[in-house]
C-alpha atoms as a PDB file:
ATOM      1  CA  MET A   1     -23.134  18.211 -43.298  1.00  0.00           C
ATOM      2  CA  THR A   2     -20.320  15.763 -43.272  1.00  0.00           C
ATOM      3  CA  VAL A   3     -18.802  14.431 -46.618  1.00  0.00           C
ATOM      4  CA  LEU A   4     -18.398  10.989 -46.999  1.00  0.00           C
ATOM      5  CA  THR A   5     -14.098  11.245 -48.339  1.00  0.00           C
ATOM      6  CA  SER A   6     -12.999   8.223 -51.133  1.00  0.00           C
ATOM      7  CA  SER A   7     -12.131   6.541 -48.104  1.00  0.00           C
ATOM      8  CA  THR A   8     -15.422   6.037 -46.903  1.00  0.00           C
ATOM      9  CA  SER A   9     -17.738   5.987 -49.695  1.00  0.00           C
ATOM     10  CA  PRO A  10     -18.812   3.511 -52.379  1.00  0.00           C
ATOM     11  CA  LEU A  11     -17.590   5.627 -54.564  1.00  0.00           C
ATOM     12  CA  LEU A  12     -13.869   5.744 -55.837  1.00  0.00           C
ATOM     13  CA  ASP A  13     -13.874   8.581 -58.014  1.00  0.00           C
ATOM     14  CA  ALA A  14     -11.640  11.621 -57.295  1.00  0.00           C
ATOM     15  CA  ARG A  15     -13.938  13.860 -59.529  1.00  0.00           C
ATOM     16  CA  PHE A  16     -16.899  13.412 -57.494  1.00  0.00           C
ATOM     17  CA  HIS A  17     -14.898  13.609 -54.353  1.00  0.00           C
ATOM     18  CA  GLN A  18     -13.259  16.801 -55.275  1.00  0.00           C
ATOM     19  CA  VAL A  19     -17.056  17.819 -56.760  1.00  0.00           C
ATOM     20  CA  ILE A  20     -18.270  17.684 -53.413  1.00  0.00           C
ATOM     21  CA  ALA A  21     -15.966  18.711 -51.296  1.00  0.00           C
ATOM     22  CA  GLY A  22     -16.206  21.973 -53.218  1.00  0.00           C
ATOM     23  CA  LEU A  23     -19.852  21.975 -52.791  1.00  0.00           C
ATOM     24  CA  ASP A  24     -20.167  20.729 -49.301  1.00  0.00           C
ATOM     25  CA  SER A  25     -17.607  24.326 -48.463  1.00  0.00           C
ATOM     26  CA  ALA A  26     -19.715  26.483 -49.742  1.00  0.00           C
ATOM     27  CA  HIS A  27     -23.110  25.041 -48.217  1.00  0.00           C
ATOM     28  CA  ARG A  28     -24.649  27.834 -45.716  1.00  0.00           C
ATOM     29  CA  ARG A  29     -27.784  28.563 -44.769  1.00  0.00           C
ATOM     30  CA  PRO A  30     -29.668  32.140 -45.193  1.00  0.00           C
ATOM     31  CA  ALA A  31     -30.065  34.827 -43.059  1.00  0.00           C
ATOM     32  CA  ASN A  32     -33.371  34.233 -42.481  1.00  0.00           C
ATOM     33  CA  GLY A  33     -33.088  30.544 -41.603  1.00  0.00           C
ATOM     34  CA  GLY A  34     -34.498  29.659 -45.252  1.00  0.00           C
ATOM     35  CA  PRO A  35     -38.434  28.927 -46.638  1.00  0.00           C
ATOM     36  CA  ARG A  36     -38.855  26.597 -44.180  1.00  0.00           C
ATOM     37  CA  ASN A  37     -38.470  28.959 -41.103  1.00  0.00           C
ATOM     38  CA  SER A  38     -39.295  32.148 -42.260  1.00  0.00           C
ATOM     39  CA  SER A  39     -42.864  33.542 -44.402  1.00  0.00           C
ATOM     40  CA  GLU A  40     -40.292  33.810 -47.720  1.00  0.00           C
ATOM     41  CA  ARG A  41     -41.044  31.172 -50.106  1.00  0.00           C
ATOM     42  CA  ASP A  42     -40.164  32.250 -53.547  1.00  0.00           C
ATOM     43  CA  PRO A  43     -37.642  29.612 -55.017  1.00  0.00           C
ATOM     44  CA  HIS A  44     -35.913  32.589 -56.695  1.00  0.00           C
ATOM     45  CA  ALA A  45     -35.027  34.867 -53.972  1.00  0.00           C
ATOM     46  CA  TYR A  46     -32.439  31.905 -53.085  1.00  0.00           C
ATOM     47  CA  ILE A  47     -30.012  31.497 -56.338  1.00  0.00           C
ATOM     48  CA  ASP A  48     -27.925  31.911 -54.151  1.00  0.00           C
ATOM     49  CA  TYR A  49     -28.243  28.873 -51.524  1.00  0.00           C
ATOM     50  CA  GLY A  50     -28.537  25.067 -52.326  1.00  0.00           C
ATOM     51  CA  PHE A  51     -30.718  22.774 -50.212  1.00  0.00           C
ATOM     52  CA  SER A  52     -29.919  19.296 -51.117  1.00  0.00           C
ATOM     53  CA  ILE A  53     -29.530  16.476 -49.827  1.00  0.00           C
ATOM     54  CA  PHE A  54     -27.087  14.974 -47.297  1.00  0.00           C
ATOM     55  CA  PRO A  55     -23.875  13.247 -48.559  1.00  0.00           C
ATOM     56  CA  GLU A  56     -24.631  10.435 -46.014  1.00  0.00           C
ATOM     57  CA  GLN A  57     -28.209  10.247 -48.324  1.00  0.00           C
ATOM     58  CA  GLY A  58     -26.444  10.513 -51.630  1.00  0.00           C
ATOM     59  CA  ASP A  59     -24.303   7.775 -50.149  1.00  0.00           C
ATOM     60  CA  LEU A  60     -27.522   5.585 -49.423  1.00  0.00           C
ATOM     61  CA  ILE A  61     -28.875   6.502 -52.473  1.00  0.00           C
ATOM     62  CA  TYR A  62     -26.006   5.365 -55.197  1.00  0.00           C
ATOM     63  CA  LEU A  63     -25.871   2.301 -53.303  1.00  0.00           C
ATOM     64  CA  LEU A  64     -29.406   1.435 -53.289  1.00  0.00           C
ATOM     65  CA  CYS A  65     -29.358   2.692 -57.510  1.00  0.00           C
ATOM     66  CA  ARG A  66     -26.421   0.206 -57.611  1.00  0.00           C
ATOM     67  CA  THR A  67     -28.531  -3.058 -55.622  1.00  0.00           C
ATOM     68  CA  ILE A  68     -31.286  -2.807 -57.602  1.00  0.00           C
ATOM     69  CA  GLY A  69     -29.506  -1.905 -61.662  1.00  0.00           C
ATOM     70  CA  ALA A  70     -31.340   1.022 -61.543  1.00  0.00           C
ATOM     71  CA  ARG A  71     -31.237   3.013 -65.383  1.00  0.00           C
ATOM     72  CA  ARG A  72     -34.292   5.298 -65.344  1.00  0.00           C
ATOM     73  CA  VAL A  73     -33.669   7.732 -62.106  1.00  0.00           C
ATOM     74  CA  ALA A  74     -35.206  11.188 -61.458  1.00  0.00           C
ATOM     75  CA  GLU A  75     -35.975  13.389 -58.896  1.00  0.00           C
ATOM     76  CA  PHE A  76     -37.623  17.252 -57.536  1.00  0.00           C
ATOM     77  CA  ALA A  77     -35.858  18.747 -57.338  1.00  0.00           C
ATOM     78  CA  THR A  78     -32.058  19.373 -59.328  1.00  0.00           C
ATOM     79  CA  SER A  79     -31.254  22.517 -56.766  1.00  0.00           C
ATOM     80  CA  ILE A  80     -27.431  22.597 -57.802  1.00  0.00           C
ATOM     81  CA  GLY A  81     -26.831  19.155 -58.158  1.00  0.00           C
ATOM     82  CA  MET A  82     -25.831  17.355 -55.056  1.00  0.00           C
ATOM     83  CA  SER A  83     -28.626  14.500 -55.155  1.00  0.00           C
ATOM     84  CA  THR A  84     -27.976  14.023 -59.103  1.00  0.00           C
ATOM     85  CA  LEU A  85     -24.390  13.770 -58.610  1.00  0.00           C
ATOM     86  CA  TYR A  86     -24.399  10.343 -56.521  1.00  0.00           C
ATOM     87  CA  PHE A  87     -27.623   9.348 -58.960  1.00  0.00           C
ATOM     88  CA  ALA A  88     -25.474  10.087 -62.377  1.00  0.00           C
ATOM     89  CA  ALA A  89     -22.208   8.192 -60.702  1.00  0.00           C
ATOM     90  CA  ALA A  90     -24.778   5.254 -60.549  1.00  0.00           C
ATOM     91  CA  MET A  91     -26.107   5.362 -63.816  1.00  0.00           C
ATOM     92  CA  ARG A  92     -23.100   5.831 -65.439  1.00  0.00           C
ATOM     93  CA  ASP A  93     -21.450   2.129 -62.714  1.00  0.00           C
ATOM     94  CA  ASN A  94     -24.857   0.599 -63.777  1.00  0.00           C
ATOM     95  CA  GLY A  95     -23.646   0.872 -67.511  1.00  0.00           C
ATOM     96  CA  GLY A  96     -25.552   3.592 -68.347  1.00  0.00           C
ATOM     97  CA  GLY A  97     -28.713   5.420 -67.708  1.00  0.00           C
ATOM     98  CA  LEU A  98     -29.811   7.989 -67.402  1.00  0.00           C
ATOM     99  CA  VAL A  99     -31.085  10.782 -64.459  1.00  0.00           C
ATOM    100  CA  ILE A 100     -34.112  13.089 -64.834  1.00  0.00           C
ATOM    101  CA  GLY A 101     -34.152  16.377 -62.549  1.00  0.00           C
ATOM    102  CA  SER A 102     -35.864  18.765 -62.595  1.00  0.00           C
ATOM    103  CA  GLU A 103     -35.548  22.638 -61.311  1.00  0.00           C
ATOM    104  CA  LEU A 104     -37.088  25.932 -61.543  1.00  0.00           C
ATOM    105  CA  VAL A 105     -35.020  27.765 -61.435  1.00  0.00           C
ATOM    106  CA  PRO A 106     -32.433  28.544 -64.234  1.00  0.00           C
ATOM    107  CA  GLU A 107     -29.615  29.724 -62.262  1.00  0.00           C
ATOM    108  CA  LYS A 108     -29.841  26.501 -60.235  1.00  0.00           C
ATOM    109  CA  ALA A 109     -30.435  24.012 -63.347  1.00  0.00           C
ATOM    110  CA  ALA A 110     -26.977  25.979 -64.849  1.00  0.00           C
ATOM    111  CA  ALA A 111     -24.956  25.327 -61.390  1.00  0.00           C
ATOM    112  CA  ALA A 112     -26.421  21.871 -61.592  1.00  0.00           C
ATOM    113  CA  GLN A 113     -24.991  21.470 -65.158  1.00  0.00           C
ATOM    114  CA  ARG A 114     -21.613  22.685 -64.142  1.00  0.00           C
ATOM    115  CA  ASN A 115     -21.021  20.360 -61.416  1.00  0.00           C
ATOM    116  CA  LEU A 116     -22.254  17.816 -63.277  1.00  0.00           C
ATOM    117  CA  GLU A 117     -19.513  18.415 -66.182  1.00  0.00           C
ATOM    118  CA  ALA A 118     -16.967  19.046 -63.596  1.00  0.00           C
ATOM    119  CA  ALA A 119     -17.755  15.467 -62.505  1.00  0.00           C
ATOM    120  CA  GLY A 120     -17.532  13.939 -65.824  1.00  0.00           C
ATOM    121  CA  LEU A 121     -21.233  12.534 -64.622  1.00  0.00           C
ATOM    122  CA  LEU A 122     -23.085  15.454 -67.234  1.00  0.00           C
ATOM    123  CA  GLN A 123     -23.954  12.886 -70.211  1.00  0.00           C
ATOM    124  CA  TRP A 124     -25.933  10.608 -68.214  1.00  0.00           C
ATOM    125  CA  THR A 125     -28.781  13.503 -66.924  1.00  0.00           C
ATOM    126  CA  ASP A 126     -31.624  14.858 -68.345  1.00  0.00           C
ATOM    127  CA  ILE A 127     -31.948  18.870 -66.705  1.00  0.00           C
ATOM    128  CA  ARG A 128     -35.552  20.175 -66.628  1.00  0.00           C
ATOM    129  CA  LEU A 129     -36.374  23.388 -66.688  1.00  0.00           C
ATOM    130  CA  GLY A 130     -39.669  24.509 -64.706  1.00  0.00           C
ATOM    131  CA  ASP A 131     -42.306  23.247 -62.407  1.00  0.00           C
ATOM    132  CA  ALA A 132     -42.096  19.720 -61.182  1.00  0.00           C
ATOM    133  CA  ARG A 133     -45.802  19.103 -61.455  1.00  0.00           C
ATOM    134  CA  GLN A 134     -45.258  19.248 -65.370  1.00  0.00           C
ATOM    135  CA  THR A 135     -41.134  18.695 -66.054  1.00  0.00           C
ATOM    136  CA  LEU A 136     -42.509  14.980 -64.259  1.00  0.00           C
ATOM    137  CA  ARG A 137     -45.136  14.724 -66.112  1.00  0.00           C
ATOM    138  CA  ASN A 138     -43.563  11.998 -68.679  1.00  0.00           C
ATOM    139  CA  LEU A 139     -40.447  10.482 -67.796  1.00  0.00           C
ATOM    140  CA  GLY A 140     -40.796   8.267 -71.190  1.00  0.00           C
ATOM    141  CA  GLY A 141     -41.412   5.597 -69.582  1.00  0.00           C
ATOM    142  CA  PRO A 142     -40.893   3.306 -65.937  1.00  0.00           C
ATOM    143  CA  ILE A 143     -38.567   4.648 -63.451  1.00  0.00           C
ATOM    144  CA  ASP A 144     -36.526   2.580 -60.579  1.00  0.00           C
ATOM    145  CA  PHE A 145     -35.808   5.218 -58.014  1.00  0.00           C
ATOM    146  CA  MET A 146     -37.407   8.653 -57.822  1.00  0.00           C
ATOM    147  CA  LEU A 147     -36.572  11.633 -54.763  1.00  0.00           C
ATOM    148  CA  ILE A 148     -38.880  13.634 -53.724  1.00  0.00           C
ATOM    149  CA  ASP A 149     -37.276  16.554 -51.843  1.00  0.00           C
ATOM    150  CA  GLY A 150     -38.872  19.654 -53.195  1.00  0.00           C
ATOM    151  CA  TRP A 151     -40.285  23.165 -52.288  1.00  0.00           C
ATOM    152  CA  PRO A 152     -42.479  23.963 -49.138  1.00  0.00           C
ATOM    153  CA  GLY A 153     -45.590  25.385 -49.640  1.00  0.00           C
ATOM    154  CA  GLY A 154     -49.014  27.202 -48.550  1.00  0.00           C
ATOM    155  CA  ALA A 155     -51.745  26.808 -47.869  1.00  0.00           C
ATOM    156  CA  GLY A 156     -53.521  22.905 -49.409  1.00  0.00           C
ATOM    157  CA  PRO A 157     -51.700  19.387 -50.139  1.00  0.00           C
ATOM    158  CA  SER A 158     -47.309  20.367 -50.542  1.00  0.00           C
ATOM    159  CA  LEU A 159     -45.636  19.740 -53.486  1.00  0.00           C
ATOM    160  CA  ALA A 160     -44.070  16.434 -52.280  1.00  0.00           C
ATOM    161  CA  LEU A 161     -47.242  14.788 -52.530  1.00  0.00           C
ATOM    162  CA  GLN A 162     -48.490  17.156 -55.670  1.00  0.00           C
ATOM    163  CA  VAL A 163     -45.028  15.700 -57.528  1.00  0.00           C
ATOM    164  CA  MET A 164     -45.513  12.251 -55.678  1.00  0.00           C
ATOM    165  CA  GLU A 165     -49.111  11.381 -56.543  1.00  0.00           C
ATOM    166  CA  ILE A 166     -47.966  11.989 -61.156  1.00  0.00           C
ATOM    167  CA  VAL A 167     -44.970   9.792 -60.438  1.00  0.00           C
ATOM    168  CA  ALA A 168     -46.515   6.683 -58.676  1.00  0.00           C
ATOM    169  CA  PRO A 169     -47.707   5.794 -61.710  1.00  0.00           C
ATOM    170  CA  GLN A 170     -44.656   5.810 -62.939  1.00  0.00           C
ATOM    171  CA  ILE A 171     -42.959   3.546 -60.710  1.00  0.00           C
ATOM    172  CA  ARG A 172     -42.226   0.307 -61.641  1.00  0.00           C
ATOM    173  CA  SER A 173     -43.253  -2.405 -59.184  1.00  0.00           C
ATOM    174  CA  GLY A 174     -40.131  -2.739 -56.542  1.00  0.00           C
ATOM    175  CA  GLY A 175     -39.855   0.407 -57.687  1.00  0.00           C
ATOM    176  CA  LEU A 176     -38.184   2.674 -54.771  1.00  0.00           C
ATOM    177  CA  VAL A 177     -38.747   6.509 -53.331  1.00  0.00           C
ATOM    178  CA  MET A 178     -36.584   8.097 -50.874  1.00  0.00           C
ATOM    179  CA  ASN A 179     -38.241  11.174 -49.445  1.00  0.00           C
ATOM    180  CA  ASP A 180     -36.043  14.350 -47.121  1.00  0.00           C
ATOM    181  CA  ASN A 181     -38.440  16.691 -46.025  1.00  0.00           C
ATOM    182  CA  GLY A 182     -41.307  14.465 -44.442  1.00  0.00           C
ATOM    183  CA  GLU A 183     -44.490  16.462 -45.733  1.00  0.00           C
ATOM    184  CA  ALA A 184     -46.836  14.867 -43.116  1.00  0.00           C
ATOM    185  CA  ASP A 185     -49.454  14.518 -46.136  1.00  0.00           C
ATOM    186  CA  TYR A 186     -46.682  12.793 -48.007  1.00  0.00           C
ATOM    187  CA  LEU A 187     -45.926  10.675 -44.934  1.00  0.00           C
ATOM    188  CA  ASP A 188     -49.620   9.359 -44.638  1.00  0.00           C
ATOM    189  CA  TYR A 189     -49.859   8.817 -48.152  1.00  0.00           C
ATOM    190  CA  VAL A 190     -46.984   6.508 -48.059  1.00  0.00           C
ATOM    191  CA  ARG A 191     -47.748   4.683 -45.261  1.00  0.00           C
ATOM    192  CA  ASN A 192     -51.771   4.247 -46.109  1.00  0.00           C
ATOM    193  CA  PRO A 193     -51.586   1.229 -47.835  1.00  0.00           C
ATOM    194  CA  ALA A 194     -54.241   1.299 -50.179  1.00  0.00           C
ATOM    195  CA  ASN A 195     -51.762   3.880 -52.063  1.00  0.00           C
ATOM    196  CA  GLY A 196     -49.071   0.842 -52.695  1.00  0.00           C
ATOM    197  CA  PHE A 197     -46.082   1.835 -50.803  1.00  0.00           C
ATOM    198  CA  ARG A 198     -44.734  -0.085 -48.589  1.00  0.00           C
ATOM    199  CA  SER A 199     -42.335   2.855 -46.056  1.00  0.00           C
ATOM    200  CA  MET A 200     -39.503   3.386 -43.095  1.00  0.00           C
ATOM    201  CA  SER A 201     -38.325   6.035 -42.271  1.00  0.00           C
ATOM    202  CA  LEU A 202     -34.497   6.225 -41.707  1.00  0.00           C
ATOM    203  CA  PRO A 203     -32.153   8.001 -38.741  1.00  0.00           C
ATOM    204  CA  LEU A 204     -30.409  10.215 -41.739  1.00  0.00           C
ATOM    205  CA  LYS A 205     -30.590  13.949 -41.626  1.00  0.00           C
ATOM    206  CA  GLY A 206     -33.738  13.995 -38.893  1.00  0.00           C
ATOM    207  CA  GLY A 207     -35.856  11.486 -40.944  1.00  0.00           C
ATOM    208  CA  THR A 208     -35.754  10.310 -44.648  1.00  0.00           C
ATOM    209  CA  GLU A 209     -38.270   8.225 -45.801  1.00  0.00           C
ATOM    210  CA  LEU A 210     -38.001   5.239 -47.946  1.00  0.00           C
ATOM    211  CA  SER A 211     -40.795   3.731 -49.781  1.00  0.00           C
ATOM    212  CA  LEU A 212     -40.991   0.667 -51.988  1.00  0.00           C
ATOM    213  CA  LYS A 213     -43.661   0.243 -54.353  1.00  0.00           C
ATOM    214  CA  LEU A 214     -45.695  -3.068 -54.508  1.00  0.00           C
END
């Protein structure tokens, strides 16, 4: 993971970069390779590990949110708050807004809130504890940007697709969706014009899908 410093990032915020640098220095992978590379899929088994976007993806999130003037955004899942920090910074710099996050593991939600508070960004966030298929059913109005960076599931539709089907009707026309993990059924959904999106893959973190709602 490469941290963008204040000299390379569009964010000129020392507190923000200090928190990001701390998250980067603490970043490590589980000995078993994590949920995508082992049979252990219980999120509570990875309390001490933050599975997050890379700073380059966060930088893009910030730029896109500033470009479209985003005021209401959402994410699945929050984890320890890496993506939330970039979203919240954009809300602040856009003159106000709200980041609605969902996190299943209480310890990670608490860590995210501590990180946001340390960066001075907590007031622009609403971190909802629980299953995103429930916590994101009502986002309180149309949203401008959605991040889907969820947990690998078992058999059947991926969690990414399940959450996308719940939030898609709540994304405004012209709104954006970013997906981090490239789940096959999710990609099939956003790349099918019948579902109302135009989509492309970006060369970030091995593949990042960015979609526009028509």
